[in-house]
Amino acid sequence: MKAHTSRRQAKPTPVVPLASRTQEQASTEVPVPKKRLIFDDVHARITARAYKLYVERGYREGYAEQDWLDAEREIVGRTFHE
């Protein structure tokens, strides 16, 4: 009769939700590229300026695209051509 060696089964590694990770673990995650942050900032500034143009126009409907394009021209011109 052969001797039967017992094999230990490895337990699966538990999945740790992002919210319960420590600061050290969270800092090792891949950061958002800086270009994305610049885009988000520019997009937020264009959005705010387009809304101001809408207010200045007296809240009139039908000019959303024009307000956006005007705001984009102002913000992008200042941001990337300075």
N, C-alpha and C. Protein backbone atom coordinates (compact mmCIF):
# COMPACT_ATOMS: atom_id res chain seq x y z
N MET A 1 0.82 -1.16 0.00
CA MET A 1 0.00 0.00 0.00
C MET A 1 0.88 1.25 0.00
N LYS A 2 0.55 2.19 -0.90
CA LYS A 2 1.34 3.40 -1.00
C LYS A 2 0.94 4.38 0.09
N ALA A 3 1.94 5.13 0.53
CA ALA A 3 1.66 6.14 1.53
C ALA A 3 1.01 7.33 0.82
N HIS A 4 -0.03 7.80 1.37
CA HIS A 4 -0.77 8.91 0.76
C HIS A 4 -0.34 10.22 1.43
N THR A 5 0.27 11.08 0.62
CA THR A 5 0.69 12.36 1.19
C THR A 5 -0.47 13.34 1.05
N SER A 6 -0.74 14.04 2.08
CA SER A 6 -1.84 15.01 2.02
C SER A 6 -1.32 16.31 1.41
N ARG A 7 -2.12 16.83 0.55
CA ARG A 7 -1.76 18.10 -0.07
C ARG A 7 -2.62 19.19 0.55
N ARG A 8 -1.94 20.21 0.90
CA ARG A 8 -2.66 21.36 1.44
C ARG A 8 -3.12 22.22 0.27
N GLN A 9 -4.37 22.56 0.29
CA GLN A 9 -4.87 23.44 -0.75
C GLN A 9 -4.64 24.88 -0.32
N ALA A 10 -4.11 25.64 -1.25
CA ALA A 10 -3.86 27.06 -0.95
C ALA A 10 -5.19 27.80 -0.92
N LYS A 11 -5.35 28.63 0.08
CA LYS A 11 -6.57 29.41 0.18
C LYS A 11 -6.48 30.57 -0.82
N PRO A 12 -7.60 30.89 -1.46
CA PRO A 12 -7.56 32.01 -2.39
C PRO A 12 -7.32 33.32 -1.64
N THR A 13 -6.60 34.22 -2.29
CA THR A 13 -6.30 35.52 -1.70
C THR A 13 -7.58 36.35 -1.70
N PRO A 14 -7.93 36.92 -0.55
CA PRO A 14 -9.16 37.73 -0.52
C PRO A 14 -8.99 39.03 -1.28
N VAL A 15 -10.06 39.49 -1.86
CA VAL A 15 -10.06 40.75 -2.58
C VAL A 15 -10.38 41.85 -1.58
N VAL A 16 -9.51 42.85 -1.52
CA VAL A 16 -9.68 43.94 -0.57
C VAL A 16 -10.31 45.12 -1.31
N PRO A 17 -11.50 45.57 -0.87
CA PRO A 17 -12.12 46.72 -1.53
C PRO A 17 -11.25 47.96 -1.43
N LEU A 18 -11.36 48.84 -2.43
CA LEU A 18 -10.54 50.06 -2.44
C LEU A 18 -10.74 50.91 -1.19
N ALA A 19 -11.96 50.97 -0.69
CA ALA A 19 -12.24 51.83 0.46
C ALA A 19 -11.53 51.37 1.72
N SER A 20 -11.19 50.07 1.82
CA SER A 20 -10.56 49.59 3.04
C SER A 20 -9.04 49.49 2.94
N ARG A 21 -8.48 49.91 1.83
CA ARG A 21 -7.03 49.87 1.69
C ARG A 21 -6.39 50.97 2.52
N THR A 22 -5.17 50.69 2.96
CA THR A 22 -4.46 51.70 3.74
C THR A 22 -3.91 52.77 2.81
N GLN A 23 -3.47 53.86 3.38
CA GLN A 23 -2.91 54.95 2.59
C GLN A 23 -1.70 54.47 1.80
N GLU A 24 -0.90 53.61 2.40
CA GLU A 24 0.30 53.10 1.73
C GLU A 24 -0.09 52.29 0.50
N GLN A 25 -1.10 51.46 0.62
CA GLN A 25 -1.55 50.67 -0.52
C GLN A 25 -2.13 51.57 -1.60
N ALA A 26 -2.90 52.56 -1.19
CA ALA A 26 -3.53 53.45 -2.15
C ALA A 26 -2.50 54.26 -2.92
N SER A 27 -1.39 54.60 -2.29
CA SER A 27 -0.39 55.42 -2.96
C SER A 27 0.38 54.64 -4.02
N THR A 28 0.30 53.31 -4.01
CA THR A 28 1.00 52.52 -5.00
C THR A 28 0.18 52.32 -6.26
N GLU A 29 -1.06 52.80 -6.26
CA GLU A 29 -1.90 52.67 -7.45
C GLU A 29 -1.43 53.64 -8.52
N VAL A 30 -1.80 53.36 -9.75
CA VAL A 30 -1.37 54.16 -10.89
C VAL A 30 -2.04 55.54 -10.80
N PRO A 31 -1.26 56.62 -10.80
CA PRO A 31 -1.84 57.96 -10.72
C PRO A 31 -2.44 58.38 -12.06
N VAL A 32 -3.35 59.33 -12.03
CA VAL A 32 -3.94 59.88 -13.24
C VAL A 32 -2.88 60.71 -13.94
N PRO A 33 -2.69 60.51 -15.23
CA PRO A 33 -1.68 61.29 -15.94
C PRO A 33 -1.97 62.79 -15.83
N LYS A 34 -0.90 63.59 -15.82
CA LYS A 34 -1.04 65.03 -15.66
C LYS A 34 -1.83 65.63 -16.81
N LYS A 35 -1.70 65.11 -18.02
CA LYS A 35 -2.44 65.63 -19.16
C LYS A 35 -3.94 65.54 -18.90
N ARG A 36 -4.37 64.47 -18.27
CA ARG A 36 -5.80 64.31 -17.97
C ARG A 36 -6.25 65.39 -16.99
N LEU A 37 -5.43 65.70 -16.01
CA LEU A 37 -5.77 66.73 -15.04
C LEU A 37 -5.88 68.09 -15.72
N ILE A 38 -4.98 68.38 -16.63
CA ILE A 38 -5.04 69.64 -17.37
C ILE A 38 -6.32 69.70 -18.18
N PHE A 39 -6.66 68.60 -18.84
CA PHE A 39 -7.89 68.56 -19.63
C PHE A 39 -9.10 68.80 -18.75
N ASP A 40 -9.16 68.13 -17.59
CA ASP A 40 -10.29 68.30 -16.69
C ASP A 40 -10.41 69.74 -16.22
N ASP A 41 -9.28 70.36 -15.91
CA ASP A 41 -9.29 71.74 -15.46
C ASP A 41 -9.77 72.67 -16.57
N VAL A 42 -9.29 72.49 -17.76
CA VAL A 42 -9.68 73.33 -18.88
C VAL A 42 -11.17 73.12 -19.18
N HIS A 43 -11.60 71.88 -19.15
CA HIS A 43 -13.01 71.59 -19.42
C HIS A 43 -13.91 72.26 -18.38
N ALA A 44 -13.51 72.21 -17.11
CA ALA A 44 -14.29 72.84 -16.04
C ALA A 44 -14.33 74.36 -16.24
N ARG A 45 -13.22 74.95 -16.65
CA ARG A 45 -13.18 76.40 -16.86
C ARG A 45 -14.03 76.81 -18.06
N ILE A 46 -14.02 76.00 -19.11
CA ILE A 46 -14.86 76.29 -20.28
C ILE A 46 -16.33 76.19 -19.89
N THR A 47 -16.66 75.18 -19.12
CA THR A 47 -18.05 75.00 -18.68
C THR A 47 -18.52 76.21 -17.87
N ALA A 48 -17.69 76.65 -16.93
CA ALA A 48 -18.05 77.80 -16.10
C ALA A 48 -18.19 79.07 -16.94
N ARG A 49 -17.28 79.28 -17.87
CA ARG A 49 -17.33 80.48 -18.72
C ARG A 49 -18.55 80.44 -19.64
N ALA A 50 -18.87 79.28 -20.19
CA ALA A 50 -20.05 79.15 -21.05
C ALA A 50 -21.32 79.47 -20.27
N TYR A 51 -21.37 79.06 -19.03
CA TYR A 51 -22.54 79.38 -18.20
C TYR A 51 -22.62 80.89 -17.94
N LYS A 52 -21.47 81.51 -17.68
CA LYS A 52 -21.47 82.97 -17.47
C LYS A 52 -21.95 83.69 -18.72
N LEU A 53 -21.54 83.21 -19.89
CA LEU A 53 -22.02 83.82 -21.13
C LEU A 53 -23.53 83.65 -21.28
N TYR A 54 -24.03 82.50 -20.89
CA TYR A 54 -25.47 82.23 -20.91
C TYR A 54 -26.21 83.22 -19.99
N VAL A 55 -25.65 83.45 -18.81
CA VAL A 55 -26.25 84.40 -17.87
C VAL A 55 -26.20 85.81 -18.45
N GLU A 56 -25.04 86.19 -19.00
CA GLU A 56 -24.88 87.52 -19.59
C GLU A 56 -25.86 87.73 -20.75
N ARG A 57 -26.18 86.66 -21.43
CA ARG A 57 -27.09 86.73 -22.57
C ARG A 57 -28.56 86.81 -22.10
N GLY A 58 -28.77 86.75 -20.80
CA GLY A 58 -30.12 86.86 -20.26
C GLY A 58 -30.86 85.53 -20.20
N TYR A 59 -30.12 84.43 -20.04
CA TYR A 59 -30.70 83.08 -19.93
C TYR A 59 -31.52 82.70 -21.16
N ARG A 60 -31.17 83.24 -22.30
CA ARG A 60 -31.91 82.93 -23.52
C ARG A 60 -31.51 81.55 -24.04
N GLU A 61 -32.51 80.79 -24.40
CA GLU A 61 -32.29 79.45 -24.95
C GLU A 61 -31.84 79.55 -26.41
N GLY A 62 -31.20 78.49 -26.88
CA GLY A 62 -30.83 78.41 -28.29
C GLY A 62 -29.42 78.88 -28.61
N TYR A 63 -28.66 79.29 -27.60
CA TYR A 63 -27.30 79.77 -27.84
C TYR A 63 -26.24 78.94 -27.12
N ALA A 64 -26.61 77.76 -26.67
CA ALA A 64 -25.69 76.93 -25.89
C ALA A 64 -24.41 76.61 -26.66
N GLU A 65 -24.56 76.23 -27.91
CA GLU A 65 -23.39 75.88 -28.71
C GLU A 65 -22.49 77.10 -28.93
N GLN A 66 -23.10 78.23 -29.23
CA GLN A 66 -22.32 79.45 -29.45
C GLN A 66 -21.61 79.87 -28.17
N ASP A 67 -22.33 79.78 -27.01
CA ASP A 67 -21.71 80.11 -25.72
C ASP A 67 -20.51 79.20 -25.46
N TRP A 68 -20.68 77.90 -25.75
CA TRP A 68 -19.58 76.95 -25.54
C TRP A 68 -18.39 77.29 -26.41
N LEU A 69 -18.63 77.55 -27.68
CA LEU A 69 -17.53 77.85 -28.61
C LEU A 69 -16.81 79.14 -28.23
N ASP A 70 -17.58 80.15 -27.83
CA ASP A 70 -16.96 81.40 -27.40
C ASP A 70 -16.11 81.19 -26.15
N ALA A 71 -16.66 80.44 -25.20
CA ALA A 71 -15.92 80.16 -23.96
C ALA A 71 -14.66 79.34 -24.26
N GLU A 72 -14.79 78.37 -25.13
CA GLU A 72 -13.65 77.53 -25.49
C GLU A 72 -12.55 78.36 -26.14
N ARG A 73 -12.94 79.24 -27.03
CA ARG A 73 -11.96 80.11 -27.71
C ARG A 73 -11.21 80.97 -26.69
N GLU A 74 -11.94 81.53 -25.74
CA GLU A 74 -11.32 82.37 -24.71
C GLU A 74 -10.37 81.57 -23.81
N ILE A 75 -10.86 80.47 -23.28
CA ILE A 75 -10.10 79.69 -22.29
C ILE A 75 -8.90 79.01 -22.95
N VAL A 76 -9.11 78.35 -24.06
CA VAL A 76 -8.01 77.64 -24.71
C VAL A 76 -6.97 78.64 -25.20
N GLY A 77 -7.42 79.77 -25.70
CA GLY A 77 -6.49 80.81 -26.15
C GLY A 77 -5.61 81.31 -25.03
N ARG A 78 -6.20 81.51 -23.86
CA ARG A 78 -5.43 81.98 -22.70
C ARG A 78 -4.55 80.88 -22.13
N THR A 79 -5.04 79.66 -22.09
CA THR A 79 -4.33 78.55 -21.45
C THR A 79 -3.10 78.10 -22.24
N PHE A 80 -3.26 77.93 -23.54
CA PHE A 80 -2.20 77.32 -24.33
C PHE A 80 -1.40 78.29 -25.19
N HIS A 81 -1.80 79.54 -25.24
CA HIS A 81 -1.07 80.51 -26.05
C HIS A 81 -0.39 81.60 -25.25
N GLU A 82 -0.36 81.44 -23.95
CA GLU A 82 0.29 82.45 -23.12
C GLU A 82 1.78 82.27 -23.08
